[in-house]
């Protein structure tokens, strides 16, 4: 299958940067960070000391870049070239891959539904933003 239009790597890079910034804000104490830590039954101190922030930042950026690239690739394959079409495809990706994977993982790990809503909500918002950006800037 050949793409109908070329992949815009600058748009994908911007998507990954936006997702990284949103991640910092979304999981900060200002928004849902405290609720997320409480739902995972971890203390704030444990979260601060258990991982190296630079490594997390790099992994986060790479993961978001891959997610944006795959969405852009799929949009190109099916000829989705508007923000509305990008949103529709992003929503289908979220339902088909993110929500189902999180559900299986969270049920098997015994995590709370609150954490599913927080994490799933983050990925939902990110994918919708990706769909808008990639649909408008392909």
Protein backbone atom coordinates (compact mmCIF):
# COMPACT_ATOMS: atom_id res chain seq x y z
CA UNK A 1 0.00 0.00 0.00
CA UNK A 2 1.41 3.33 -1.02
CA UNK A 3 0.81 6.56 0.91
CA UNK A 4 -1.42 9.06 -0.90
CA UNK A 5 0.65 12.01 0.30
CA UNK A 6 4.11 12.39 1.89
CA UNK A 7 4.63 12.21 5.64
CA UNK A 8 5.36 15.59 7.27
CA UNK A 9 8.10 14.84 9.81
CA UNK A 10 8.08 18.40 11.12
CA UNK A 11 4.40 18.02 12.03
CA UNK A 12 5.19 14.70 13.74
CA UNK A 13 8.03 16.32 15.69
CA UNK A 14 5.71 19.15 16.78
CA UNK A 15 3.08 16.60 17.84
CA UNK A 16 5.65 14.80 20.01
CA UNK A 17 6.77 18.08 21.60
CA UNK A 18 3.18 19.10 22.35
CA UNK A 19 2.44 15.68 23.85
CA UNK A 20 5.51 15.93 26.06
CA UNK A 21 4.48 19.36 27.30
CA UNK A 22 0.92 18.18 27.88
CA UNK A 23 2.27 15.17 29.80
CA UNK A 24 4.17 17.44 32.20
CA UNK A 25 1.10 19.61 32.74
CA UNK A 26 -1.51 16.81 32.85
CA UNK A 27 0.39 14.72 35.42
CA UNK A 28 1.57 17.72 37.45
CA UNK A 29 0.15 18.49 40.90
CA UNK A 30 -1.68 21.42 39.26
CA UNK A 31 -3.98 19.06 37.34
CA UNK A 32 -4.18 15.29 37.89
CA UNK A 33 -0.77 14.35 39.31
CA UNK A 34 -1.88 14.03 42.93
CA UNK A 35 -5.01 12.07 42.00
CA UNK A 36 -2.95 9.79 39.74
CA UNK A 37 -0.42 9.07 42.51
CA UNK A 38 -3.22 8.47 45.01
CA UNK A 39 -5.02 6.10 42.65
CA UNK A 40 -1.80 4.16 42.14
CA UNK A 41 -1.19 4.07 45.89
CA UNK A 42 2.29 5.56 45.53
CA UNK A 43 3.63 8.42 47.56
CA UNK A 44 4.79 11.63 45.94
CA UNK A 45 8.30 11.04 47.31
CA UNK A 46 8.44 7.54 45.82
CA UNK A 47 7.52 8.91 42.40
CA UNK A 48 10.18 11.61 42.64
CA UNK A 49 12.95 9.16 43.58
CA UNK A 50 12.16 6.04 41.52
CA UNK A 51 13.17 7.16 38.05
CA UNK A 52 15.55 9.46 36.31
CA UNK A 53 13.56 12.30 34.80
CA UNK A 54 15.78 12.73 31.75
CA UNK A 55 15.38 9.07 30.81
CA UNK A 56 11.62 9.32 31.26
CA UNK A 57 11.55 12.47 29.14
CA UNK A 58 13.46 10.79 26.29
CA UNK A 59 11.28 7.67 26.38
CA UNK A 60 8.15 9.81 26.45
CA UNK A 61 9.27 11.88 23.46
CA UNK A 62 10.24 8.80 21.44
CA UNK A 63 6.96 7.05 22.24
CA UNK A 64 4.88 10.08 21.28
CA UNK A 65 6.91 10.52 18.09
CA UNK A 66 6.20 6.91 17.09
CA UNK A 67 2.49 7.29 17.90
CA UNK A 68 2.26 10.47 15.80
CA UNK A 69 4.22 8.85 12.96
CA UNK A 70 1.90 5.82 12.86
CA UNK A 71 -1.17 8.05 12.88
CA UNK A 72 0.31 10.17 10.07
CA UNK A 73 1.15 7.05 8.09
CA UNK A 74 -2.36 5.63 8.46
CA UNK A 75 -3.89 8.97 7.55
CA UNK A 76 -1.74 9.05 4.43
CA UNK A 77 -2.72 5.50 3.46
CA UNK A 78 -6.43 6.18 3.68
CA UNK A 79 -6.24 9.74 2.33
CA UNK A 80 -7.42 11.45 5.52
CA UNK A 81 -6.41 15.06 4.93
CA UNK A 82 -8.59 17.19 7.19
CA UNK A 83 -8.59 17.72 10.95
CA UNK A 84 -12.04 16.07 11.16
CA UNK A 85 -10.76 12.92 9.43
CA UNK A 86 -7.68 12.99 11.65
CA UNK A 87 -9.89 13.13 14.74
CA UNK A 88 -12.00 10.21 13.51
CA UNK A 89 -8.97 8.03 12.85
CA UNK A 90 -7.33 9.07 16.14
CA UNK A 91 -10.51 8.14 18.01
CA UNK A 92 -10.61 4.73 16.33
CA UNK A 93 -6.95 4.16 17.19
CA UNK A 94 -7.65 5.11 20.81
CA UNK A 95 -10.65 2.80 21.12
CA UNK A 96 -9.03 -0.07 19.19
CA UNK A 97 -5.53 0.01 20.64
CA UNK A 98 -5.08 2.30 23.66
CA UNK A 99 -8.33 1.73 25.57
CA UNK A 100 -8.32 -2.02 24.98
CA UNK A 101 -4.65 -2.40 25.94
CA UNK A 102 -5.05 -0.28 29.06
CA UNK A 103 -8.15 -2.24 30.05
CA UNK A 104 -6.35 -5.59 29.78
CA UNK A 105 -3.30 -4.30 31.65
CA UNK A 106 -5.18 -2.50 34.39
CA UNK A 107 -7.56 -5.38 35.07
CA UNK A 108 -4.74 -7.92 35.24
CA UNK A 109 -2.66 -5.61 37.48
CA UNK A 110 -5.62 -4.78 39.72
CA UNK A 111 -5.37 -1.03 39.11
CA UNK A 112 -8.22 1.30 39.94
CA UNK A 113 -10.69 2.60 37.36
CA UNK A 114 -9.64 6.14 38.30
CA UNK A 115 -6.18 5.46 36.98
CA UNK A 116 -7.62 4.06 33.75
CA UNK A 117 -9.64 7.26 33.30
CA UNK A 118 -6.62 9.47 33.95
CA UNK A 119 -4.16 7.55 31.75
CA UNK A 120 -6.70 6.71 29.07
CA UNK A 121 -7.90 10.31 29.07
CA UNK A 122 -4.37 11.55 28.53
CA UNK A 123 -3.83 9.31 25.50
CA UNK A 124 -7.28 10.23 24.18
CA UNK A 125 -6.50 13.96 24.33
CA UNK A 126 -3.04 13.46 22.80
CA UNK A 127 -4.34 11.40 19.88
CA UNK A 128 -7.10 13.93 19.16
CA UNK A 129 -4.52 16.73 19.13
CA UNK A 130 -2.35 14.63 16.81
CA UNK A 131 -5.32 14.04 14.49
CA UNK A 132 -6.05 17.77 14.32
CA UNK A 133 -2.44 18.76 13.69
CA UNK A 134 -1.69 16.00 11.18
CA UNK A 135 -5.00 16.54 9.37
CA UNK A 136 -4.35 20.25 9.01
CA UNK A 137 -0.59 20.05 8.34
CA UNK A 138 0.14 17.04 6.16
